[in-house]
Amino acid sequence: MIIMPIIGTNFTKINVERTGVARNVKINSNLGIKDISDLDLSLGKSKQVGVKFEFEFTVKYDPGASMLFEGEVLYLGEEKDIAEIKKQWADKKPVEEKLMADVMNSALQKSTIKALELSSDLGLPAPIKLPKVTQKEK
């Protein structure tokens, strides 16, 4: 299988809720692929085939808040490769590892950046560890 390009990562739903935050908050996040469906894309006179990987990314603040991101990663490929991806998914078999890593990383990057922005807007701790400048001891 030739790995073709991911052409986009889009959100279809964002839900953020803050019900209160305590001092010692546990933050857990999870990313999963919910479904794979057809992507038909016409570029001029040529028709491209691909798939949409539908994902869900959640961030849970225990106690006090949650974030839910749903979206899709758009992937173009050769017809035979797309057919194989859809067959593997339908048969509940693992999809090619390198492709899934690329898809998951694309969804994770887009979701984490948005979660970081929204956590700041709602006064929540960052969902990822941020870099810090430290002073050297003398």
N, C-alpha and C. Protein backbone atom coordinates (compact mmCIF):
# COMPACT_ATOMS: atom_id res chain seq x y z
N MET A 1 0.85 -1.18 0.00
CA MET A 1 0.00 0.00 0.00
C MET A 1 0.89 1.24 0.00
N ILE A 2 0.58 2.15 -0.88
CA ILE A 2 1.28 3.43 -0.94
C ILE A 2 0.51 4.40 -0.05
N ILE A 3 1.19 5.05 0.86
CA ILE A 3 0.53 6.02 1.73
C ILE A 3 0.34 7.32 0.94
N MET A 4 -0.92 7.67 0.73
CA MET A 4 -1.27 8.89 0.01
C MET A 4 -1.54 10.00 1.02
N PRO A 5 -1.86 11.16 0.53
CA PRO A 5 -1.96 12.30 1.45
C PRO A 5 -3.26 12.38 2.24
N ILE A 6 -3.09 12.89 3.45
CA ILE A 6 -4.23 13.35 4.22
C ILE A 6 -4.48 14.76 3.72
N ILE A 7 -5.69 15.03 3.27
CA ILE A 7 -5.96 16.34 2.66
C ILE A 7 -6.68 17.31 3.59
N GLY A 8 -7.07 16.83 4.76
CA GLY A 8 -7.73 17.74 5.69
C GLY A 8 -8.17 17.04 6.96
N THR A 9 -8.30 17.83 8.00
CA THR A 9 -8.83 17.36 9.28
C THR A 9 -9.81 18.43 9.75
N ASN A 10 -11.07 18.04 9.93
CA ASN A 10 -12.12 19.00 10.24
C ASN A 10 -12.93 18.56 11.45
N PHE A 11 -13.44 19.52 12.18
CA PHE A 11 -14.35 19.22 13.28
C PHE A 11 -15.78 19.22 12.75
N THR A 12 -16.59 18.31 13.29
CA THR A 12 -18.02 18.30 13.00
C THR A 12 -18.82 18.64 14.25
N LYS A 13 -18.18 18.53 15.41
CA LYS A 13 -18.86 18.83 16.67
C LYS A 13 -17.82 19.16 17.73
N ILE A 14 -18.09 20.21 18.50
CA ILE A 14 -17.26 20.56 19.66
C ILE A 14 -18.22 20.86 20.81
N ASN A 15 -18.01 20.19 21.94
CA ASN A 15 -18.83 20.42 23.12
C ASN A 15 -17.91 20.55 24.32
N VAL A 16 -17.97 21.69 25.00
CA VAL A 16 -17.13 21.95 26.16
C VAL A 16 -18.03 22.38 27.30
N GLU A 17 -17.84 21.77 28.46
CA GLU A 17 -18.68 22.10 29.61
C GLU A 17 -17.82 22.19 30.87
N ARG A 18 -18.03 23.27 31.60
CA ARG A 18 -17.35 23.45 32.88
C ARG A 18 -18.42 23.53 33.96
N THR A 19 -18.33 22.63 34.93
CA THR A 19 -19.30 22.61 36.02
C THR A 19 -18.67 23.03 37.34
N GLY A 20 -17.39 23.37 37.30
CA GLY A 20 -16.64 23.75 38.49
C GLY A 20 -15.32 22.99 38.49
N VAL A 21 -14.30 23.60 39.03
CA VAL A 21 -12.99 22.94 39.04
C VAL A 21 -12.39 23.03 40.43
N ALA A 22 -11.89 21.91 40.90
CA ALA A 22 -11.22 21.85 42.20
C ALA A 22 -9.73 22.09 42.00
N ARG A 23 -8.99 22.14 43.10
CA ARG A 23 -7.54 22.37 43.01
C ARG A 23 -6.81 21.19 42.39
N ASN A 24 -7.08 20.01 42.87
CA ASN A 24 -6.39 18.81 42.38
C ASN A 24 -7.26 18.12 41.33
N VAL A 25 -7.01 18.47 40.10
CA VAL A 25 -7.82 17.96 38.99
C VAL A 25 -7.03 16.88 38.26
N LYS A 26 -7.70 15.77 37.98
CA LYS A 26 -7.11 14.73 37.14
C LYS A 26 -7.61 14.96 35.72
N ILE A 27 -6.69 14.93 34.78
CA ILE A 27 -7.06 15.17 33.38
C ILE A 27 -6.75 13.90 32.58
N ASN A 28 -7.76 13.37 31.92
CA ASN A 28 -7.59 12.19 31.07
C ASN A 28 -8.11 12.52 29.68
N SER A 29 -7.36 12.08 28.67
CA SER A 29 -7.82 12.28 27.30
C SER A 29 -7.82 10.96 26.56
N ASN A 30 -8.65 10.89 25.53
CA ASN A 30 -8.77 9.67 24.75
C ASN A 30 -9.12 10.03 23.31
N LEU A 31 -8.54 9.28 22.38
CA LEU A 31 -8.80 9.47 20.95
C LEU A 31 -9.15 8.13 20.34
N GLY A 32 -10.21 8.10 19.55
CA GLY A 32 -10.59 6.87 18.88
C GLY A 32 -11.20 7.14 17.52
N ILE A 33 -11.07 6.16 16.64
CA ILE A 33 -11.71 6.22 15.33
C ILE A 33 -13.06 5.52 15.46
N LYS A 34 -14.14 6.24 15.13
CA LYS A 34 -15.49 5.71 15.27
C LYS A 34 -15.96 4.98 14.02
N ASP A 35 -15.56 5.50 12.85
CA ASP A 35 -16.07 4.91 11.61
C ASP A 35 -15.18 5.34 10.45
N ILE A 36 -15.30 4.61 9.37
CA ILE A 36 -14.65 4.95 8.10
C ILE A 36 -15.73 4.94 7.04
N SER A 37 -15.82 6.02 6.25
CA SER A 37 -16.84 6.09 5.21
C SER A 37 -16.23 6.65 3.92
N ASP A 38 -16.99 6.53 2.83
CA ASP A 38 -16.52 6.97 1.51
C ASP A 38 -16.32 8.48 1.45
N LEU A 39 -15.33 8.87 0.69
CA LEU A 39 -15.08 10.27 0.38
C LEU A 39 -14.94 10.37 -1.13
N ASP A 40 -15.89 11.00 -1.78
CA ASP A 40 -15.83 11.22 -3.22
C ASP A 40 -15.53 12.69 -3.43
N LEU A 41 -14.45 12.95 -4.11
CA LEU A 41 -14.00 14.32 -4.28
C LEU A 41 -13.74 14.57 -5.76
N SER A 42 -14.43 15.54 -6.31
CA SER A 42 -14.22 15.91 -7.71
C SER A 42 -13.32 17.13 -7.78
N LEU A 43 -12.22 16.99 -8.47
CA LEU A 43 -11.30 18.10 -8.70
C LEU A 43 -11.25 18.34 -10.20
N GLY A 44 -12.00 19.34 -10.63
CA GLY A 44 -12.10 19.58 -12.07
C GLY A 44 -12.87 18.44 -12.71
N LYS A 45 -12.29 17.84 -13.75
CA LYS A 45 -12.95 16.72 -14.42
C LYS A 45 -12.56 15.38 -13.82
N SER A 46 -11.52 15.36 -13.03
CA SER A 46 -11.09 14.09 -12.44
C SER A 46 -11.77 13.86 -11.09
N LYS A 47 -12.05 12.60 -10.83
CA LYS A 47 -12.69 12.23 -9.58
C LYS A 47 -11.67 11.48 -8.73
N GLN A 48 -11.49 11.93 -7.51
CA GLN A 48 -10.57 11.30 -6.58
C GLN A 48 -11.37 10.43 -5.61
N VAL A 49 -10.79 9.29 -5.23
CA VAL A 49 -11.45 8.44 -4.24
C VAL A 49 -10.67 8.50 -2.94
N GLY A 50 -11.41 8.35 -1.87
CA GLY A 50 -10.77 8.38 -0.57
C GLY A 50 -11.74 7.91 0.50
N VAL A 51 -11.32 8.10 1.74
CA VAL A 51 -12.15 7.75 2.88
C VAL A 51 -12.10 8.87 3.91
N LYS A 52 -13.17 8.92 4.71
CA LYS A 52 -13.23 9.81 5.86
C LYS A 52 -13.07 8.93 7.10
N PHE A 53 -12.07 9.23 7.89
CA PHE A 53 -11.91 8.57 9.18
C PHE A 53 -12.61 9.46 10.21
N GLU A 54 -13.71 8.99 10.77
CA GLU A 54 -14.45 9.77 11.75
C GLU A 54 -13.87 9.50 13.13
N PHE A 55 -13.48 10.58 13.83
CA PHE A 55 -12.82 10.41 15.12
C PHE A 55 -13.58 11.10 16.24
N GLU A 56 -13.24 10.69 17.46
CA GLU A 56 -13.76 11.32 18.66
C GLU A 56 -12.60 11.50 19.63
N PHE A 57 -12.43 12.72 20.11
CA PHE A 57 -11.38 13.05 21.09
C PHE A 57 -12.07 13.62 22.32
N THR A 58 -11.79 13.04 23.48
CA THR A 58 -12.39 13.54 24.71
C THR A 58 -11.31 13.94 25.71
N VAL A 59 -11.62 14.97 26.47
CA VAL A 59 -10.77 15.38 27.60
C VAL A 59 -11.70 15.46 28.80
N LYS A 60 -11.37 14.71 29.84
CA LYS A 60 -12.19 14.71 31.06
C LYS A 60 -11.37 15.29 32.20
N TYR A 61 -11.92 16.31 32.83
CA TYR A 61 -11.34 16.91 34.03
C TYR A 61 -12.12 16.34 35.21
N ASP A 62 -11.44 15.62 36.10
CA ASP A 62 -12.12 15.03 37.25
C ASP A 62 -11.65 15.71 38.52
N PRO A 63 -12.50 16.47 39.15
CA PRO A 63 -13.88 16.80 38.81
C PRO A 63 -13.98 18.09 38.01
N GLY A 64 -15.13 18.29 37.39
CA GLY A 64 -15.49 19.63 36.97
C GLY A 64 -15.60 20.04 35.54
N ALA A 65 -15.14 19.27 34.57
CA ALA A 65 -15.26 19.76 33.19
C ALA A 65 -15.05 18.61 32.21
N SER A 66 -15.49 18.83 30.99
CA SER A 66 -15.26 17.85 29.94
C SER A 66 -15.25 18.56 28.58
N MET A 67 -14.55 17.94 27.66
CA MET A 67 -14.49 18.43 26.28
C MET A 67 -14.72 17.24 25.36
N LEU A 68 -15.49 17.47 24.31
CA LEU A 68 -15.74 16.45 23.31
C LEU A 68 -15.52 17.07 21.93
N PHE A 69 -14.69 16.43 21.14
CA PHE A 69 -14.43 16.87 19.77
C PHE A 69 -14.73 15.70 18.85
N GLU A 70 -15.57 15.92 17.87
CA GLU A 70 -15.80 14.93 16.83
C GLU A 70 -15.39 15.55 15.51
N GLY A 71 -14.87 14.72 14.64
CA GLY A 71 -14.43 15.25 13.36
C GLY A 71 -14.08 14.16 12.39
N GLU A 72 -13.44 14.57 11.31
CA GLU A 72 -13.07 13.62 10.28
C GLU A 72 -11.72 13.98 9.69
N VAL A 73 -10.96 12.94 9.41
CA VAL A 73 -9.69 13.09 8.70
C VAL A 73 -9.94 12.59 7.29
N LEU A 74 -9.65 13.43 6.31
CA LEU A 74 -9.92 13.12 4.91
C LEU A 74 -8.65 12.58 4.26
N TYR A 75 -8.77 11.41 3.63
CA TYR A 75 -7.62 10.72 3.08
C TYR A 75 -7.90 10.30 1.64
N LEU A 76 -6.99 10.63 0.74
CA LEU A 76 -7.10 10.21 -0.66
C LEU A 76 -6.16 9.05 -0.91
N GLY A 77 -6.55 8.17 -1.83
CA GLY A 77 -5.69 7.04 -2.15
C GLY A 77 -6.07 6.40 -3.47
N GLU A 78 -5.35 5.37 -3.80
CA GLU A 78 -5.66 4.57 -5.00
C GLU A 78 -6.92 3.75 -4.73
N GLU A 79 -7.70 3.49 -5.78
CA GLU A 79 -8.96 2.76 -5.62
C GLU A 79 -8.78 1.43 -4.91
N LYS A 80 -7.76 0.67 -5.30
CA LYS A 80 -7.55 -0.65 -4.67
C LYS A 80 -7.19 -0.51 -3.20
N ASP A 81 -6.41 0.51 -2.86
CA ASP A 81 -6.04 0.74 -1.46
C ASP A 81 -7.24 1.17 -0.63
N ILE A 82 -8.08 2.03 -1.21
CA ILE A 82 -9.28 2.49 -0.51
C ILE A 82 -10.22 1.31 -0.27
N ALA A 83 -10.38 0.46 -1.29
CA ALA A 83 -11.23 -0.73 -1.14
C ALA A 83 -10.69 -1.63 -0.03
N GLU A 84 -9.38 -1.79 0.04
CA GLU A 84 -8.76 -2.63 1.08
C GLU A 84 -8.98 -2.04 2.47
N ILE A 85 -8.83 -0.73 2.60
CA ILE A 85 -9.06 -0.06 3.89
C ILE A 85 -10.50 -0.29 4.35
N LYS A 86 -11.46 -0.09 3.44
CA LYS A 86 -12.87 -0.27 3.79
C LYS A 86 -13.18 -1.72 4.15
N LYS A 87 -12.55 -2.66 3.43
CA LYS A 87 -12.77 -4.08 3.71
C LYS A 87 -12.20 -4.44 5.08
N GLN A 88 -10.99 -3.98 5.38
CA GLN A 88 -10.39 -4.27 6.68
C GLN A 88 -11.27 -3.72 7.80
N TRP A 89 -11.76 -2.51 7.64
CA TRP A 89 -12.61 -1.89 8.67
C TRP A 89 -13.92 -2.69 8.83
N ALA A 90 -14.54 -3.05 7.71
CA ALA A 90 -15.81 -3.79 7.76
C ALA A 90 -15.63 -5.16 8.41
N ASP A 91 -14.47 -5.78 8.18
CA ASP A 91 -14.17 -7.10 8.75
C ASP A 91 -13.60 -7.01 10.17
N LYS A 92 -13.57 -5.80 10.72
CA LYS A 92 -13.04 -5.56 12.07
C LYS A 92 -11.56 -5.95 12.20
N LYS A 93 -10.84 -5.81 11.10
CA LYS A 93 -9.41 -6.10 11.10
C LYS A 93 -8.65 -4.79 11.20
N PRO A 94 -7.42 -4.84 11.71
CA PRO A 94 -6.65 -3.59 11.83
C PRO A 94 -6.31 -3.01 10.45
N VAL A 95 -6.48 -1.72 10.34
CA VAL A 95 -6.09 -0.99 9.13
C VAL A 95 -4.58 -0.78 9.21
N GLU A 96 -3.93 -0.68 8.07
CA GLU A 96 -2.47 -0.56 7.98
C GLU A 96 -1.93 0.42 9.03
N GLU A 97 -0.93 -0.04 9.78
CA GLU A 97 -0.42 0.67 10.96
C GLU A 97 0.12 2.07 10.66
N LYS A 98 0.90 2.23 9.61
CA LYS A 98 1.47 3.54 9.27
C LYS A 98 0.36 4.54 8.93
N LEU A 99 -0.62 4.08 8.17
CA LEU A 99 -1.74 4.94 7.80
C LEU A 99 -2.51 5.37 9.05
N MET A 100 -2.82 4.42 9.93
CA MET A 100 -3.57 4.75 11.15
C MET A 100 -2.78 5.70 12.04
N ALA A 101 -1.47 5.53 12.11
CA ALA A 101 -0.64 6.45 12.90
C ALA A 101 -0.75 7.87 12.34
N ASP A 102 -0.68 8.00 11.02
CA ASP A 102 -0.80 9.32 10.39
C ASP A 102 -2.17 9.94 10.64
N VAL A 103 -3.22 9.14 10.51
CA VAL A 103 -4.59 9.62 10.73
C VAL A 103 -4.77 10.04 12.18
N MET A 104 -4.34 9.19 13.11
CA MET A 104 -4.50 9.50 14.54
C MET A 104 -3.69 10.74 14.92
N ASN A 105 -2.48 10.86 14.40
CA ASN A 105 -1.66 12.04 14.70
C ASN A 105 -2.29 13.32 14.17
N SER A 106 -2.89 13.25 12.99
CA SER A 106 -3.56 14.42 12.43
C SER A 106 -4.75 14.84 13.30
N ALA A 107 -5.56 13.87 13.71
CA ALA A 107 -6.71 14.16 14.58
C ALA A 107 -6.25 14.66 15.95
N LEU A 108 -5.21 14.04 16.49
CA LEU A 108 -4.70 14.42 17.81
C LEU A 108 -4.13 15.84 17.79
N GLN A 109 -3.38 16.17 16.76
CA GLN A 109 -2.79 17.51 16.67
C GLN A 109 -3.88 18.58 16.60
N LYS A 110 -4.85 18.40 15.72
CA LYS A 110 -5.92 19.39 15.57
C LYS A 110 -6.73 19.52 16.86
N SER A 111 -7.06 18.40 17.48
CA SER A 111 -7.88 18.40 18.69
C SER A 111 -7.14 18.98 19.89
N THR A 112 -5.88 18.64 20.04
CA THR A 112 -5.11 19.12 21.19
C THR A 112 -4.93 20.63 21.13
N ILE A 113 -4.67 21.16 19.95
CA ILE A 113 -4.52 22.61 19.80
C ILE A 113 -5.82 23.32 20.18
N LYS A 114 -6.96 22.80 19.70
CA LYS A 114 -8.25 23.40 20.02
C LYS A 114 -8.57 23.23 21.51
N ALA A 115 -8.25 22.09 22.09
CA ALA A 115 -8.50 21.86 23.53
C ALA A 115 -7.66 22.81 24.38
N LEU A 116 -6.44 23.07 23.97
CA LEU A 116 -5.58 24.01 24.68
C LEU A 116 -6.18 25.42 24.65
N GLU A 117 -6.64 25.83 23.49
CA GLU A 117 -7.27 27.15 23.34
C GLU A 117 -8.53 27.26 24.20
N LEU A 118 -9.39 26.26 24.14
CA LEU A 118 -10.64 26.30 24.90
C LEU A 118 -10.42 26.20 26.40
N SER A 119 -9.41 25.45 26.82
CA SER A 119 -9.13 25.36 28.26
C SER A 119 -8.73 26.73 28.79
N SER A 120 -7.99 27.49 28.02
CA SER A 120 -7.61 28.84 28.42
C SER A 120 -8.84 29.75 28.48
N ASP A 121 -9.71 29.64 27.49
CA ASP A 121 -10.93 30.45 27.46
C ASP A 121 -11.84 30.20 28.67
N LEU A 122 -11.86 28.95 29.15
CA LEU A 122 -12.75 28.58 30.25
C LEU A 122 -12.06 28.57 31.61
N GLY A 123 -10.79 28.97 31.64
CA GLY A 123 -10.07 28.99 32.91
C GLY A 123 -9.78 27.61 33.46
N LEU A 124 -9.57 26.65 32.57
CA LEU A 124 -9.24 25.28 32.98
C LEU A 124 -7.75 25.04 32.84
N PRO A 125 -7.21 24.09 33.58
CA PRO A 125 -5.81 23.74 33.37
C PRO A 125 -5.60 23.22 31.94
N ALA A 126 -4.42 23.45 31.42
CA ALA A 126 -4.10 22.97 30.07
C ALA A 126 -4.21 21.44 30.03
N PRO A 127 -4.75 20.88 28.96
CA PRO A 127 -4.90 19.43 28.88
C PRO A 127 -3.60 18.70 28.56
N ILE A 128 -2.56 19.45 28.26
CA ILE A 128 -1.24 18.86 28.01
C ILE A 128 -0.21 19.61 28.85
N LYS A 129 0.91 18.97 29.09
CA LYS A 129 1.97 19.61 29.85
C LYS A 129 2.65 20.65 28.96
N LEU A 130 2.64 21.89 29.43
CA LEU A 130 3.24 22.98 28.66
C LEU A 130 4.70 23.18 29.08
N PRO A 131 5.54 23.63 28.16
CA PRO A 131 6.93 23.89 28.53
C PRO A 131 7.02 25.06 29.49
N LYS A 132 8.01 25.00 30.37
CA LYS A 132 8.22 26.08 31.34
C LYS A 132 9.69 26.46 31.34
N VAL A 133 9.93 27.74 31.56
CA VAL A 133 11.29 28.24 31.72
C VAL A 133 11.62 28.15 33.20
N THR A 134 12.77 27.58 33.51
CA THR A 134 13.19 27.50 34.91
C THR A 134 14.51 28.24 35.08
N GLN A 135 14.69 28.76 36.26
CA GLN A 135 15.91 29.49 36.57
C GLN A 135 16.92 28.51 37.16
N LYS A 136 18.16 28.61 36.71
CA LYS A 136 19.21 27.75 37.26
C LYS A 136 19.54 28.20 38.67
N GLU A 137 19.77 27.21 39.52
CA GLU A 137 20.19 27.55 40.88
C GLU A 137 21.66 27.90 40.87
N LYS A 138 22.03 28.91 41.69
CA LYS A 138 23.43 29.34 41.75
C LYS A 138 24.14 28.75 42.93
